[in-house]
Each structure stands twice: as structure tokens, then as C-alpha cells.
N, C-alpha and C. Protein backbone atom coordinates (compact mmCIF):
# COMPACT_ATOMS: atom_id res chain seq x y z
N MET A 1 146.72 103.05 187.40
CA MET A 1 147.52 104.34 187.23
C MET A 1 147.02 103.86 185.43
N PRO A 2 146.28 105.17 183.83
CA PRO A 2 145.90 104.73 182.98
C PRO A 2 147.21 104.08 182.36
N GLU A 3 146.71 103.15 181.00
CA GLU A 3 148.04 103.08 180.58
C GLU A 3 148.00 104.38 179.67
N LYS A 4 149.58 104.49 179.07
CA LYS A 4 150.29 106.15 177.77
C LYS A 4 149.57 105.48 176.64
N ILE A 5 149.32 106.51 176.05
CA ILE A 5 148.69 106.64 174.54
C ILE A 5 149.92 106.57 173.67
N LEU A 6 150.47 106.77 172.39
CA LEU A 6 151.30 107.37 171.54
C LEU A 6 150.76 107.25 170.94
N LEU A 7 151.30 108.29 169.52
CA LEU A 7 150.90 108.85 168.72
C LEU A 7 152.25 108.56 167.37
N ALA A 8 152.60 107.88 166.97
CA ALA A 8 153.68 108.55 165.76
C ALA A 8 153.22 108.29 164.65
N LEU A 9 154.01 109.65 163.79
CA LEU A 9 153.72 109.79 162.53
C LEU A 9 154.81 109.36 162.17
N SER A 10 155.28 109.13 160.62
CA SER A 10 155.61 108.62 160.07
C SER A 10 155.56 108.59 158.19
N THR A 11 156.98 109.44 157.40
CA THR A 11 156.53 109.32 155.68
C THR A 11 157.22 108.04 155.56
N PHE A 12 156.46 107.90 154.56
CA PHE A 12 157.33 107.66 153.70
C PHE A 12 157.55 107.07 151.91
N PRO A 13 158.80 106.72 151.47
CA PRO A 13 158.61 107.14 149.68
C PRO A 13 157.31 106.28 148.63
N ASP A 14 156.97 105.38 149.39
CA ASP A 14 155.41 105.27 148.41
C ASP A 14 154.31 104.12 149.61
N ALA A 15 153.39 103.88 148.57
CA ALA A 15 152.65 103.16 149.33
C ALA A 15 152.57 101.68 150.19
N GLU A 16 153.73 100.88 149.17
CA GLU A 16 154.79 99.85 148.57
C GLU A 16 155.27 99.58 150.30
N THR A 17 156.62 100.87 150.34
CA THR A 17 156.73 100.45 151.66
C THR A 17 156.51 101.08 152.23
N ALA A 18 155.43 101.72 153.12
CA ALA A 18 154.79 101.81 153.92
C ALA A 18 153.96 100.59 154.64
N ARG A 19 153.19 99.68 153.87
CA ARG A 19 152.89 97.91 153.45
C ARG A 19 153.45 97.77 154.52
N ARG A 20 154.35 97.19 153.84
CA ARG A 20 155.72 95.88 154.32
C ARG A 20 155.84 96.97 155.79
N ILE A 21 156.23 97.85 156.14
CA ILE A 21 156.69 98.19 157.52
C ILE A 21 155.60 98.22 158.32
N SER A 22 154.75 98.90 157.96
CA SER A 22 153.99 98.44 158.85
C SER A 22 153.25 96.87 159.53
N ASN A 23 153.24 96.17 158.31
CA ASN A 23 153.20 94.70 158.50
C ASN A 23 154.31 94.61 158.90
N GLU A 24 154.94 94.68 159.28
CA GLU A 24 155.99 94.22 159.96
C GLU A 24 155.96 94.68 162.07
N LEU A 25 155.68 95.94 161.56
CA LEU A 25 155.82 95.74 163.14
C LEU A 25 153.84 95.55 164.17
N VAL A 26 153.81 95.58 163.01
CA VAL A 26 151.95 94.58 163.27
C VAL A 26 152.05 93.31 164.31
N ALA A 27 152.89 92.63 163.40
CA ALA A 27 153.57 91.47 163.58
C ALA A 27 154.53 91.18 164.16
N GLN A 28 155.46 92.00 165.24
CA GLN A 28 156.77 91.48 165.83
C GLN A 28 155.92 92.88 166.61
N LYS A 29 154.61 92.83 167.04
CA LYS A 29 153.40 93.63 168.10
C LYS A 29 154.80 95.30 168.35
N PHE A 30 155.18 95.94 167.62
CA PHE A 30 155.81 96.32 168.20
C PHE A 30 154.97 97.88 168.46
N VAL A 31 153.51 97.71 167.38
CA VAL A 31 152.38 98.83 167.75
C VAL A 31 151.10 97.67 167.18
N ALA A 32 149.49 98.68 168.04
CA ALA A 32 148.48 98.34 167.54
C ALA A 32 147.73 97.96 166.34
N CYS A 33 147.72 98.74 165.51
CA CYS A 33 147.98 99.32 164.23
C CYS A 33 148.67 99.85 163.79
N ALA A 34 148.03 100.14 162.19
CA ALA A 34 149.16 101.10 161.05
C ALA A 34 148.16 101.73 160.73
N ASN A 35 148.01 102.83 160.29
CA ASN A 35 146.76 103.33 159.53
C ASN A 35 147.94 104.31 157.89
N ILE A 36 147.36 103.30 156.83
CA ILE A 36 148.17 104.32 155.27
C ILE A 36 147.26 104.89 154.99
N LEU A 37 147.86 106.19 154.28
CA LEU A 37 147.02 108.20 154.01
C LEU A 37 148.06 107.57 152.92
N PRO A 38 146.23 107.91 151.85
CA PRO A 38 147.33 107.83 150.58
C PRO A 38 148.34 109.09 149.91
N SER A 39 148.01 110.63 151.14
CA SER A 39 148.97 111.85 150.40
C SER A 39 148.96 112.36 151.84
N VAL A 40 149.94 113.80 152.19
CA VAL A 40 149.63 114.22 153.05
C VAL A 40 150.44 115.65 152.66
N GLU A 41 149.18 116.20 152.97
CA GLU A 41 149.24 118.15 152.83
C GLU A 41 149.59 118.60 154.06
N SER A 42 151.10 119.01 154.72
CA SER A 42 151.00 120.66 155.29
C SER A 42 151.08 121.56 154.88
N ILE A 43 150.26 122.13 156.00
CA ILE A 43 150.60 124.45 155.83
C ILE A 43 151.17 124.73 156.84
């Protein structure tokens, strides 16, 4: 059976917080990778 893929999106108050948490999630192997986007616009 194929592995399941999960995409999770989250917001943070600033890029430094996003970077810190993303680095920890990768280091602890909770996630394979993390993408930090400078801004998001939702419509």
C-alpha cells in the first residue's frame, strides 16, 4: 500500500518564529521538510 502524504499549513507571527519551529520539527523528524513563505493572501 502506498504511503500517505499529509500537507499541513500553519501561520506564525514572524519569519524568525517560523524558522525556529520549522528547524525543530525537522530536527526531531516530525516533518521531512518545511517551507517558509514571506506572506500569504487569502481570498
